[in-house]
C-alpha atoms as a PDB file:
ATOM      1  CA  MET A   1      12.803  29.680   3.695  1.00  0.00           C
ATOM      2  CA  LYS A   2       9.939  27.175   3.501  1.00  0.00           C
ATOM      3  CA  VAL A   3      10.224  23.862   1.660  1.00  0.00           C
ATOM      4  CA  LYS A   4       7.835  23.718  -1.297  1.00  0.00           C
ATOM      5  CA  VAL A   5       5.737  20.548  -1.289  1.00  0.00           C
ATOM      6  CA  LEU A   6       3.538  19.145  -4.039  1.00  0.00           C
ATOM      7  CA  SER A   7       1.096  16.357  -3.162  1.00  0.00           C
ATOM      8  CA  GLU A   8      -1.002  14.287  -5.572  1.00  0.00           C
ATOM      9  CA  TRP A   9      -3.188  11.172  -5.358  1.00  0.00           C
ATOM     10  CA  LEU A  10      -3.427   8.648  -8.161  1.00  0.00           C
ATOM     11  CA  ASN A  11      -4.979   5.162  -7.926  1.00  0.00           C
ATOM     12  CA  SER A  12      -5.833   5.457  -4.245  1.00  0.00           C
ATOM     13  CA  CYS A  13      -8.577   5.977  -1.658  1.00  0.00           C
ATOM     14  CA  SER A  14      -7.344   9.136   0.161  1.00  0.00           C
ATOM     15  CA  GLY A  15      -6.499   7.157   3.313  1.00  0.00           C
ATOM     16  CA  CYS A  16      -2.893   8.342   3.096  1.00  0.00           C
ATOM     17  CA  GLU A  17      -4.028  11.967   3.010  1.00  0.00           C
ATOM     18  CA  ILE A  18      -6.175  11.295   6.084  1.00  0.00           C
ATOM     19  CA  SER A  19      -3.022  10.002   7.792  1.00  0.00           C
ATOM     20  CA  MET A  20      -1.379  13.337   7.095  1.00  0.00           C
ATOM     21  CA  VAL A  21      -4.284  15.119   8.763  1.00  0.00           C
ATOM     22  CA  ASP A  22      -4.116  12.594  11.634  1.00  0.00           C
ATOM     23  CA  MET A  23      -0.765  14.062  12.632  1.00  0.00           C
ATOM     24  CA  GLY A  24      -2.964  16.372  14.674  1.00  0.00           C
ATOM     25  CA  GLU A  25      -1.265  19.402  16.155  1.00  0.00           C
ATOM     26  CA  ARG A  26       2.044  18.267  14.665  1.00  0.00           C
ATOM     27  CA  LEU A  27       0.605  19.175  11.264  1.00  0.00           C
ATOM     28  CA  LEU A  28       0.716  22.812  12.388  1.00  0.00           C
ATOM     29  CA  ASP A  29       4.443  22.397  13.050  1.00  0.00           C
ATOM     30  CA  VAL A  30       4.896  20.997   9.548  1.00  0.00           C
ATOM     31  CA  LEU A  31       2.856  23.799   7.966  1.00  0.00           C
ATOM     32  CA  ASN A  32       5.158  26.334   9.619  1.00  0.00           C
ATOM     33  CA  LEU A  33       8.053  24.784   7.708  1.00  0.00           C
ATOM     34  CA  VAL A  34       6.536  23.819   4.353  1.00  0.00           C
ATOM     35  CA  ASP A  35       4.481  25.517   1.677  1.00  0.00           C
ATOM     36  CA  PHE A  36       2.026  23.264  -0.166  1.00  0.00           C
ATOM     37  CA  VAL A  37       1.946  24.490  -3.764  1.00  0.00           C
ATOM     38  CA  HIS A  38      -0.420  21.736  -4.946  1.00  0.00           C
ATOM     39  CA  ILE A  39      -2.530  19.314  -2.900  1.00  0.00           C
ATOM     40  CA  PRO A  40      -5.979  18.400  -4.322  1.00  0.00           C
ATOM     41  CA  VAL A  41      -7.322  17.190  -0.982  1.00  0.00           C
ATOM     42  CA  LEU A  42      -6.935  20.695   0.508  1.00  0.00           C
ATOM     43  CA  MET A  43      -6.728  23.246  -2.306  1.00  0.00           C
ATOM     44  CA  ASP A  44      -7.931  23.827  -5.850  1.00  0.00           C
ATOM     45  CA  ASN A  45      -5.219  23.926  -8.494  1.00  0.00           C
ATOM     46  CA  LYS A  46      -6.251  23.048 -12.045  1.00  0.00           C
ATOM     47  CA  TYR A  47      -4.018  20.829 -14.183  1.00  0.00           C
ATOM     48  CA  TYR A  48      -4.697  22.927 -17.290  1.00  0.00           C
ATOM     49  CA  GLY A  49      -4.703  26.359 -15.646  1.00  0.00           C
ATOM     50  CA  GLN A  50      -7.356  27.897 -13.430  1.00  0.00           C
ATOM     51  CA  LEU A  51      -9.299  28.925 -16.538  1.00  0.00           C
ATOM     52  CA  GLY A  52      -8.594  25.720 -18.432  1.00  0.00           C
ATOM     53  CA  ASP A  53      -6.720  27.698 -21.057  1.00  0.00           C
ATOM     54  CA  ARG A  54      -3.544  25.597 -21.163  1.00  0.00           C
ATOM     55  CA  LYS A  55      -3.085  22.883 -23.765  1.00  0.00           C
ATOM     56  CA  HIS A  56      -0.855  20.645 -21.689  1.00  0.00           C
ATOM     57  CA  LEU A  57      -1.015  19.401 -18.096  1.00  0.00           C
ATOM     58  CA  SER A  58       1.294  21.376 -15.845  1.00  0.00           C
ATOM     59  CA  LEU A  59       2.067  21.418 -12.132  1.00  0.00           C
ATOM     60  CA  PRO A  60       4.147  23.928 -10.142  1.00  0.00           C
ATOM     61  CA  GLU A  61       7.769  23.214  -9.303  1.00  0.00           C
ATOM     62  CA  ALA A  62       8.488  21.974  -5.780  1.00  0.00           C
ATOM     63  CA  ASP A  63      11.280  20.667  -3.596  1.00  0.00           C
ATOM     64  CA  VAL A  64       9.309  17.572  -2.544  1.00  0.00           C
ATOM     65  CA  GLY A  65       6.617  15.638  -4.368  1.00  0.00           C
ATOM     66  CA  ILE A  66       4.390  13.307  -2.336  1.00  0.00           C
ATOM     67  CA  ILE A  67       2.428  10.751  -4.368  1.00  0.00           C
ATOM     68  CA  SER A  68      -0.149   8.345  -2.964  1.00  0.00           C
ATOM     69  CA  GLY A  69      -1.638   5.588  -5.092  1.00  0.00           C
ATOM     70  CA  GLY A  70      -0.264   3.499  -7.915  1.00  0.00           C
ATOM     71  CA  ILE A  71      -0.441   4.040 -11.669  1.00  0.00           C
ATOM     72  CA  ARG A  72      -3.422   2.418 -13.401  1.00  0.00           C
ATOM     73  CA  ASN A  73      -4.323   4.624 -16.382  1.00  0.00           C
ATOM     74  CA  ASP A  74      -2.644   7.038 -18.761  1.00  0.00           C
ATOM     75  CA  GLU A  75      -3.718  10.081 -16.717  1.00  0.00           C
ATOM     76  CA  HIS A  76      -2.003   8.666 -13.626  1.00  0.00           C
ATOM     77  CA  LEU A  77       1.133   8.094 -15.703  1.00  0.00           C
ATOM     78  CA  GLU A  78       1.062  11.621 -17.111  1.00  0.00           C
ATOM     79  CA  LEU A  79       0.728  13.089 -13.609  1.00  0.00           C
ATOM     80  CA  ALA A  80       3.518  10.914 -12.213  1.00  0.00           C
ATOM     81  CA  LEU A  81       5.904  11.912 -14.998  1.00  0.00           C
ATOM     82  CA  GLU A  82       5.052  15.597 -14.521  1.00  0.00           C
ATOM     83  CA  ILE A  83       5.674  15.369 -10.756  1.00  0.00           C
ATOM     84  CA  ARG A  84       9.000  13.643 -11.319  1.00  0.00           C
ATOM     85  CA  LYS A  85       9.935  16.406 -13.751  1.00  0.00           C
ATOM     86  CA  LYS A  86       8.958  19.250 -11.395  1.00  0.00           C
ATOM     87  CA  CYS A  87      10.173  17.870  -8.023  1.00  0.00           C
ATOM     88  CA  LYS A  88      13.674  17.352  -6.660  1.00  0.00           C
ATOM     89  CA  ILE A  89      12.576  14.545  -4.318  1.00  0.00           C
ATOM     90  CA  VAL A  90       9.642  12.156  -4.776  1.00  0.00           C
ATOM     91  CA  ILE A  91       8.050  10.269  -1.869  1.00  0.00           C
ATOM     92  CA  ALA A  92       5.913   7.193  -2.522  1.00  0.00           C
ATOM     93  CA  LEU A  93       3.286   7.502   0.219  1.00  0.00           C
ATOM     94  CA  GLY A  94       1.390   4.350   1.155  1.00  0.00           C
ATOM     95  CA  THR A  95       1.500   0.752  -0.034  1.00  0.00           C
ATOM     96  CA  CYS A  96      -0.500   1.509  -3.195  1.00  0.00           C
ATOM     97  CA  ALA A  97       2.379   3.741  -4.267  1.00  0.00           C
ATOM     98  CA  THR A  98       5.199   1.490  -3.042  1.00  0.00           C
ATOM     99  CA  HIS A  99       3.820  -1.966  -3.993  1.00  0.00           C
ATOM    100  CA  GLY A 100       0.475  -1.573  -5.775  1.00  0.00           C
ATOM    101  CA  GLY A 101      -1.732  -2.037  -2.696  1.00  0.00           C
ATOM    102  CA  ILE A 102      -5.258  -3.443  -2.787  1.00  0.00           C
ATOM    103  CA  PRO A 103      -5.910  -2.095  -6.348  1.00  0.00           C
ATOM    104  CA  SER A 104      -3.126  -4.321  -7.684  1.00  0.00           C
ATOM    105  CA  LEU A 105      -5.251  -7.393  -6.936  1.00  0.00           C
ATOM    106  CA  ALA A 106      -6.810  -6.514 -10.309  1.00  0.00           C
ATOM    107  CA  ASN A 107      -3.532  -7.614 -11.916  1.00  0.00           C
ATOM    108  CA  SER A 108      -4.865 -11.174 -11.656  1.00  0.00           C
ATOM    109  CA  TYR A 109      -7.282 -10.305 -14.468  1.00  0.00           C
ATOM    110  CA  ARG A 110      -7.068  -8.890 -17.971  1.00  0.00           C
ATOM    111  CA  ASN A 111      -8.605  -5.493 -18.674  1.00  0.00           C
ATOM    112  CA  ASP A 112     -11.349  -7.014 -20.794  1.00  0.00           C
ATOM    113  CA  GLN A 113     -12.324  -9.301 -17.915  1.00  0.00           C
ATOM    114  CA  ILE A 114     -12.469  -6.349 -15.517  1.00  0.00           C
ATOM    115  CA  LEU A 115     -14.545  -4.223 -17.894  1.00  0.00           C
ATOM    116  CA  ASP A 116     -16.909  -7.110 -18.661  1.00  0.00           C
ATOM    117  CA  ARG A 117     -17.446  -7.625 -14.953  1.00  0.00           C
ATOM    118  CA  TYR A 118     -17.981  -3.928 -14.296  1.00  0.00           C
ATOM    119  CA  TYR A 119     -20.339  -3.124 -17.143  1.00  0.00           C
ATOM    120  CA  SER A 120     -22.294  -6.404 -17.273  1.00  0.00           C
ATOM    121  CA  THR A 121     -24.839  -7.926 -14.900  1.00  0.00           C
ATOM    122  CA  GLU A 122     -26.691 -11.204 -14.687  1.00  0.00           C
ATOM    123  CA  THR A 123     -29.591  -9.631 -16.584  1.00  0.00           C
ATOM    124  CA  THR A 124     -27.738  -7.667 -19.270  1.00  0.00           C
ATOM    125  CA  ASP A 125     -25.513  -8.637 -22.155  1.00  0.00           C
ATOM    126  CA  THR A 126     -21.891  -7.630 -22.385  1.00  0.00           C
ATOM    127  CA  PRO A 127     -21.798  -4.280 -24.233  1.00  0.00           C
ATOM    128  CA  GLU A 128     -20.201  -4.164 -27.665  1.00  0.00           C
ATOM    129  CA  ARG A 129     -18.089  -1.209 -26.575  1.00  0.00           C
ATOM    130  CA  TYR A 130     -17.235   0.398 -23.248  1.00  0.00           C
ATOM    131  CA  PRO A 131     -17.584   4.106 -22.374  1.00  0.00           C
ATOM    132  CA  SER A 132     -14.431   5.876 -23.512  1.00  0.00           C
ATOM    133  CA  GLU A 133     -15.170   9.559 -24.118  1.00  0.00           C
ATOM    134  CA  GLY A 134     -13.404  11.658 -21.497  1.00  0.00           C
ATOM    135  CA  ILE A 135     -12.238   8.552 -19.635  1.00  0.00           C
ATOM    136  CA  PRO A 136      -8.481   7.889 -19.229  1.00  0.00           C
ATOM    137  CA  GLU A 137      -7.378   4.685 -20.943  1.00  0.00           C
ATOM    138  CA  LEU A 138      -6.391   1.801 -18.680  1.00  0.00           C
ATOM    139  CA  LEU A 139      -2.806   0.604 -18.741  1.00  0.00           C
ATOM    140  CA  ASP A 140      -2.224  -3.139 -18.984  1.00  0.00           C
ATOM    141  CA  ALA A 141      -1.755  -3.427 -15.205  1.00  0.00           C
ATOM    142  CA  CYS A 142      -1.679  -1.535 -11.920  1.00  0.00           C
ATOM    143  CA  TYR A 143       1.895  -0.352 -11.380  1.00  0.00           C
ATOM    144  CA  ALA A 144       3.822   0.781  -8.323  1.00  0.00           C
ATOM    145  CA  LEU A 145       5.385   4.215  -8.783  1.00  0.00           C
ATOM    146  CA  ASP A 146       8.957   3.006  -9.166  1.00  0.00           C
ATOM    147  CA  GLU A 147       7.962   0.883 -12.154  1.00  0.00           C
ATOM    148  CA  LYS A 148       7.368   4.093 -14.116  1.00  0.00           C
ATOM    149  CA  ILE A 149       9.347   6.862 -12.384  1.00  0.00           C
ATOM    150  CA  HIS A 150      12.304   7.170 -10.038  1.00  0.00           C
ATOM    151  CA  VAL A 151      11.327   7.227  -6.341  1.00  0.00           C
ATOM    152  CA  ASP A 152      13.603   8.681  -3.650  1.00  0.00           C
ATOM    153  CA  VAL A 153      11.735   7.815  -0.434  1.00  0.00           C
ATOM    154  CA  TYR A 154       9.394   4.892   0.284  1.00  0.00           C
ATOM    155  CA  LEU A 155       6.787   5.236   3.017  1.00  0.00           C
ATOM    156  CA  PRO A 156       4.579   2.108   2.923  1.00  0.00           C
ATOM    157  CA  GLY A 157       1.437   1.441   4.932  1.00  0.00           C
ATOM    158  CA  CYS A 158      -2.285   1.218   4.358  1.00  0.00           C
ATOM    159  CA  ALA A 159      -2.331   3.879   5.507  1.00  0.00           C
ATOM    160  CA  PRO A 160       1.111   4.896   6.859  1.00  0.00           C
ATOM    161  CA  HIS A 161       1.011   5.715  10.541  1.00  0.00           C
ATOM    162  CA  PRO A 162       0.917   9.481  11.227  1.00  0.00           C
ATOM    163  CA  ASP A 163       4.093   9.134  13.323  1.00  0.00           C
ATOM    164  CA  GLN A 164       5.957   7.905  10.257  1.00  0.00           C
ATOM    165  CA  VAL A 165       4.507  10.552   7.958  1.00  0.00           C
ATOM    166  CA  PHE A 166       5.634  13.226  10.417  1.00  0.00           C
ATOM    167  CA  GLU A 167       9.101  11.683  10.787  1.00  0.00           C
ATOM    168  CA  ALA A 168       9.571  11.478   7.006  1.00  0.00           C
ATOM    169  CA  LEU A 169       8.581  15.111   6.454  1.00  0.00           C
ATOM    170  CA  VAL A 170      10.715  16.423   9.324  1.00  0.00           C
ATOM    171  CA  ALA A 171      13.684  14.336   8.144  1.00  0.00           C
ATOM    172  CA  LEU A 172      13.438  15.884   4.680  1.00  0.00           C
ATOM    173  CA  ILE A 173      13.204  19.375   6.136  1.00  0.00           C
ATOM    174  CA  GLU A 174      16.243  18.683   8.332  1.00  0.00           C
ATOM    175  CA  GLN A 175      18.051  17.034   5.403  1.00  0.00           C
ATOM    176  CA  ARG A 176      18.692  13.714   7.138  1.00  0.00           C
ATOM    177  CA  PRO A 177      17.615  10.086   6.550  1.00  0.00           C
ATOM    178  CA  ALA A 178      14.209   9.256   8.043  1.00  0.00           C
ATOM    179  CA  ASP A 179      14.269   6.956  11.080  1.00  0.00           C
ATOM    180  CA  LEU A 180      11.870   4.255   9.850  1.00  0.00           C
ATOM    181  CA  SER A 181      11.620   0.648  10.971  1.00  0.00           C
ATOM    182  CA  GLY A 182      13.330  -2.064   8.955  1.00  0.00           C
ATOM    183  CA  LYS A 183      12.011  -4.878  11.135  1.00  0.00           C
ATOM    184  CA  SER A 184       9.167  -7.318  10.543  1.00  0.00           C
ATOM    185  CA  VAL A 185       5.813  -7.269  12.344  1.00  0.00           C
ATOM    186  CA  CYS A 186       6.900 -10.427  14.198  1.00  0.00           C
ATOM    187  CA  ASP A 187       9.940  -8.568  15.549  1.00  0.00           C
ATOM    188  CA  THR A 188       7.609  -6.073  17.258  1.00  0.00           C
ATOM    189  CA  CYS A 189       4.806  -8.481  18.212  1.00  0.00           C
ATOM    190  CA  PRO A 190       4.393  -9.053  21.970  1.00  0.00           C
ATOM    191  CA  THR A 191       2.401 -12.313  21.765  1.00  0.00           C
ATOM    192  CA  ARG A 192       3.766 -15.477  23.381  1.00  0.00           C
ATOM    193  CA  ARG A 193       5.637 -17.968  21.214  1.00  0.00           C
ATOM    194  CA  GLU A 194       5.983 -21.537  22.377  1.00  0.00           C
ATOM    195  CA  GLY A 195       7.669 -22.956  19.285  1.00  0.00           C
ATOM    196  CA  LYS A 196       6.493 -26.525  19.872  1.00  0.00           C
ATOM    197  CA  GLY A 197       6.306 -27.266  16.181  1.00  0.00           C
ATOM    198  CA  ASP A 198       2.991 -29.105  16.446  1.00  0.00           C
ATOM    199  CA  LEU A 199       1.238 -27.020  13.769  1.00  0.00           C
ATOM    200  CA  LYS A 200       0.643 -28.785  10.443  1.00  0.00           C
ATOM    201  CA  LYS A 201      -2.304 -26.964   8.851  1.00  0.00           C
ATOM    202  CA  LEU A 202      -3.755 -23.462   8.722  1.00  0.00           C
ATOM    203  CA  VAL A 203      -7.365 -22.360   9.008  1.00  0.00           C
ATOM    204  CA  ARG A 204      -9.277 -19.307   7.809  1.00  0.00           C
ATOM    205  CA  PHE A 205      -9.654 -16.606  10.471  1.00  0.00           C
ATOM    206  CA  LEU A 206     -13.358 -16.871  11.342  1.00  0.00           C
ATOM    207  CA  LYS A 207     -13.415 -16.769  15.130  1.00  0.00           C
ATOM    208  CA  ALA A 208     -11.557 -15.157  18.000  1.00  0.00           C
ATOM    209  CA  PRO A 209      -8.134 -16.679  18.753  1.00  0.00           C
ATOM    210  CA  LYS A 210      -7.512 -18.632  21.920  1.00  0.00           C
ATOM    211  CA  GLN A 211      -6.458 -16.285  24.717  1.00  0.00           C
ATOM    212  CA  ASP A 212      -6.566 -16.011  28.483  1.00  0.00           C
ATOM    213  CA  SER A 213      -9.213 -13.295  28.226  1.00  0.00           C
ATOM    214  CA  PRO A 214      -9.976 -10.363  25.889  1.00  0.00           C
ATOM    215  CA  SER A 215      -8.712  -7.969  28.560  1.00  0.00           C
ATOM    216  CA  ALA A 216      -5.482  -9.867  29.290  1.00  0.00           C
ATOM    217  CA  PRO A 217      -2.157  -8.354  28.119  1.00  0.00           C
ATOM    218  CA  LEU A 218      -1.089  -9.352  24.620  1.00  0.00           C
ATOM    219  CA  ASN A 219       1.941 -11.187  25.972  1.00  0.00           C
ATOM    220  CA  LYS A 220      -0.475 -13.667  27.549  1.00  0.00           C
ATOM    221  CA  MET A 221      -1.901 -14.636  24.133  1.00  0.00           C
ATOM    222  CA  ARG A 222      -0.119 -17.267  22.076  1.00  0.00           C
ATOM    223  CA  CYS A 223       1.219 -16.315  18.646  1.00  0.00           C
ATOM    224  CA  LEU A 224      -1.665 -16.409  16.176  1.00  0.00           C
ATOM    225  CA  LEU A 225       0.371 -18.272  13.576  1.00  0.00           C
ATOM    226  CA  GLU A 226       1.167 -20.957  16.148  1.00  0.00           C
ATOM    227  CA  GLN A 227      -2.580 -21.240  16.712  1.00  0.00           C
ATOM    228  CA  GLY A 228      -2.998 -22.156  13.038  1.00  0.00           C
ATOM    229  CA  ILE A 229      -4.280 -18.735  11.931  1.00  0.00           C
ATOM    230  CA  LEU A 230      -2.587 -17.320   8.839  1.00  0.00           C
ATOM    231  CA  CYS A 231      -0.707 -14.213   9.968  1.00  0.00           C
ATOM    232  CA  MET A 232       1.528 -12.272   7.581  1.00  0.00           C
ATOM    233  CA  GLY A 233       3.691 -10.926  10.396  1.00  0.00           C
ATOM    234  CA  PRO A 234       6.878 -12.815   9.449  1.00  0.00           C
ATOM    235  CA  VAL A 235       7.027 -11.283   5.962  1.00  0.00           C
ATOM    236  CA  THR A 236       5.526  -7.825   6.562  1.00  0.00           C
ATOM    237  CA  ARG A 237       7.379  -4.639   7.421  1.00  0.00           C
ATOM    238  CA  ALA A 238       6.714  -3.228  10.873  1.00  0.00           C
ATOM    239  CA  GLY A 239       5.460   0.292  11.491  1.00  0.00           C
ATOM    240  CA  CYS A 240       1.673   0.147  11.626  1.00  0.00           C
ATOM    241  CA  GLY A 241       1.814   0.785  15.373  1.00  0.00           C
ATOM    242  CA  GLY A 242       3.806   3.963  14.900  1.00  0.00           C
ATOM    243  CA  ASN A 243       6.147   4.915  17.696  1.00  0.00           C
ATOM    244  CA  GLY A 244       4.082   2.699  20.005  1.00  0.00           C
ATOM    245  CA  ILE A 245       5.577  -0.309  18.167  1.00  0.00           C
ATOM    246  CA  THR A 246       2.768  -2.829  18.903  1.00  0.00           C
ATOM    247  CA  PRO A 247       1.178  -3.771  15.548  1.00  0.00           C
ATOM    248  CA  ARG A 248      -2.353  -2.419  15.203  1.00  0.00           C
ATOM    249  CA  CYS A 249      -4.009  -5.627  14.013  1.00  0.00           C
ATOM    250  CA  ILE A 250      -2.347  -7.678  16.722  1.00  0.00           C
ATOM    251  CA  SER A 251      -3.515  -5.118  19.295  1.00  0.00           C
ATOM    252  CA  ALA A 252      -7.058  -5.899  18.142  1.00  0.00           C
ATOM    253  CA  ARG A 253      -6.379  -9.672  18.446  1.00  0.00           C
ATOM    254  CA  VAL A 254      -6.565 -10.222  14.677  1.00  0.00           C
ATOM    255  CA  PRO A 255      -3.784 -11.493  12.385  1.00  0.00           C
ATOM    256  CA  CYS A 256      -1.565  -9.229  10.322  1.00  0.00           C
ATOM    257  CA  ARG A 257      -2.804  -8.934   6.730  1.00  0.00           C
ATOM    258  CA  GLY A 258       0.427  -7.560   5.303  1.00  0.00           C
ATOM    259  CA  CYS A 259      -0.591  -3.952   4.651  1.00  0.00           C
ATOM    260  CA  TYR A 260       2.931  -2.519   5.009  1.00  0.00           C
ATOM    261  CA  GLY A 261       4.248  -4.700   2.210  1.00  0.00           C
ATOM    262  CA  PRO A 262       7.401  -6.853   2.349  1.00  0.00           C
ATOM    263  CA  VAL A 263      10.080  -6.287   4.986  1.00  0.00           C
ATOM    264  CA  LYS A 264      12.594  -5.453   2.246  1.00  0.00           C
ATOM    265  CA  HIS A 265      11.298  -3.344  -0.617  1.00  0.00           C
ATOM    266  CA  GLU A 266      12.163  -5.939  -3.251  1.00  0.00           C
ATOM    267  CA  GLY A 267      10.731  -8.836  -1.215  1.00  0.00           C
ATOM    268  CA  ASN A 268       7.962 -11.155  -2.379  1.00  0.00           C
ATOM    269  CA  GLN A 269       5.433 -11.657   0.418  1.00  0.00           C
ATOM    270  CA  MET A 270       3.871 -14.721  -1.178  1.00  0.00           C
ATOM    271  CA  MET A 271       7.086 -16.635  -1.808  1.00  0.00           C
ATOM    272  CA  ASP A 272       8.616 -15.583   1.505  1.00  0.00           C
ATOM    273  CA  MET A 273       5.502 -16.710   3.391  1.00  0.00           C
ATOM    274  CA  LEU A 274       5.265 -20.041   1.561  1.00  0.00           C
ATOM    275  CA  ASN A 275       8.956 -20.692   2.274  1.00  0.00           C
ATOM    276  CA  ALA A 276       8.488 -19.826   5.960  1.00  0.00           C
ATOM    277  CA  LEU A 277       5.504 -22.151   6.296  1.00  0.00           C
ATOM    278  CA  ALA A 278       7.085 -25.044   4.396  1.00  0.00           C
ATOM    279  CA  SER A 279      10.355 -24.800   6.341  1.00  0.00           C
ATOM    280  CA  ASN A 280       8.346 -25.218   9.542  1.00  0.00           C
ATOM    281  CA  GLY A 281       6.593 -28.346   8.309  1.00  0.00           C
ATOM    282  CA  ILE A 282       3.233 -26.685   7.615  1.00  0.00           C
ATOM    283  CA  ASP A 283       1.173 -28.055   4.731  1.00  0.00           C
ATOM    284  CA  ILE A 284       0.918 -25.095   2.340  1.00  0.00           C
ATOM    285  CA  THR A 285      -1.996 -26.753   0.548  1.00  0.00           C
ATOM    286  CA  SER A 286      -4.046 -25.958   3.664  1.00  0.00           C
ATOM    287  CA  LEU A 287      -3.847 -22.231   2.878  1.00  0.00           C
ATOM    288  CA  PRO A 288      -7.374 -20.813   2.472  1.00  0.00           C
ATOM    289  CA  GLU A 289      -6.121 -18.939  -0.639  1.00  0.00           C
ATOM    290  CA  ARG A 290      -2.779 -17.860  -2.046  1.00  0.00           C
ATOM    291  CA  ALA A 291      -3.565 -14.648  -3.949  1.00  0.00           C
ATOM    292  CA  SER A 292      -4.363 -12.985  -0.624  1.00  0.00           C
ATOM    293  CA  LEU A 293      -0.686 -13.320   0.327  1.00  0.00           C
ATOM    294  CA  LEU A 294      -0.140 -10.529  -2.219  1.00  0.00           C
ATOM    295  CA  ARG A 295      -3.252  -8.524  -1.387  1.00  0.00           C
ATOM    296  CA  PHE A 296      -1.086  -5.448  -0.759  1.00  0.00           C
ATOM    297  CA  SER A 297       1.887  -6.095  -3.034  1.00  0.00           C
ATOM    298  CA  GLY A 298       0.650  -7.347  -6.389  1.00  0.00           C
ATOM    299  CA  ALA A 299       2.606  -4.848  -8.504  1.00  0.00           C
ATOM    300  CA  HIS A 300       6.165  -5.405  -9.824  1.00  0.00           C
ATOM    301  CA  GLY A 301       4.831  -8.371 -11.816  1.00  0.00           C
ATOM    302  CA  ARG A 302       3.906 -10.346  -8.694  1.00  0.00           C
ATOM    303  CA  LEU A 303       0.291 -10.905  -9.796  1.00  0.00           C
ATOM    304  CA  ARG A 304      -0.511 -11.655 -13.423  1.00  0.00           C
ATOM    305  CA  PRO A 305      -3.583 -12.913 -15.290  1.00  0.00           C
ATOM    306  CA  PRO A 306      -3.587 -16.556 -16.400  1.00  0.00           C
ATOM    307  CA  PHE A 307      -2.044 -17.152 -19.796  1.00  0.00           C
ATOM    308  CA  LYS A 308      -4.611 -16.766 -22.554  1.00  0.00           C
ATOM    309  CA  ALA A 309      -4.082 -19.339 -25.282  1.00  0.00           C
ATOM    310  CA  LYS A 310      -4.482 -18.144 -28.852  1.00  0.00           C
ATOM    311  CA  SER A 311      -7.455 -19.564 -30.703  1.00  0.00           C
ATOM    312  CA  ALA A 312      -6.635 -22.003 -33.482  1.00  0.00           C
END
């Protein structure tokens, strides 16, 4: 008997769905074992019935619900609650779902600031009211899934590597825990570490790192962080290289940007990174910017708008 799977995207870009397709021929193996009862990227299934005759949003029941994207408006929340109601197991697919992802950078601003920016230009005045008819109302922030519903399986990544998507689905079908990495990017990075402790300041990544040659093996290149380039490897979960282990960004000779979120789900990439730098004698005031340390994990209250004082 096939496992019924429901898939839905919320505040996301569809990159996670592309990762599912990137499983290649293995996707055919998965399709032999599962039955997708709802997946907008591949099939048409109306929320209010195929004829639009239902009064309330409804989705089919399923064994597994896969959700990509965080929760930013009341429609996202309604969908997430419906999926949790109709599915036995819910998977948070991608860093937007597990930690807010890039969209959660908006948590540094109030909704009125975001709307003013979006609907105003240098040559127009701020509108007295924003479009609202037929548009879902924004929540006060961009939330990770587990801030609003219970999540059973976390599969971070921007986007998750196809190897991990395949492993998670097969593990569910076989009713066993998924074999996913719990290490940091640094633990799987092959670059050379000298540990001389001579680094005091960091610089913005604007030019190629020092290396023997672009074609030389990665283990011949010195650790990017030791070269003074901000790399989020120490505080980011490994997995972007899939079963090949080697982190994708490092393979391209660029620093890790933290797209898999913190090593431990409840971790704080900003605080963990600042602590790591300070404990190694690095001047944290030399950081090009701090908000970028949470560019993929600004949900769970990590990023908040500045306090707005009440007018007298």
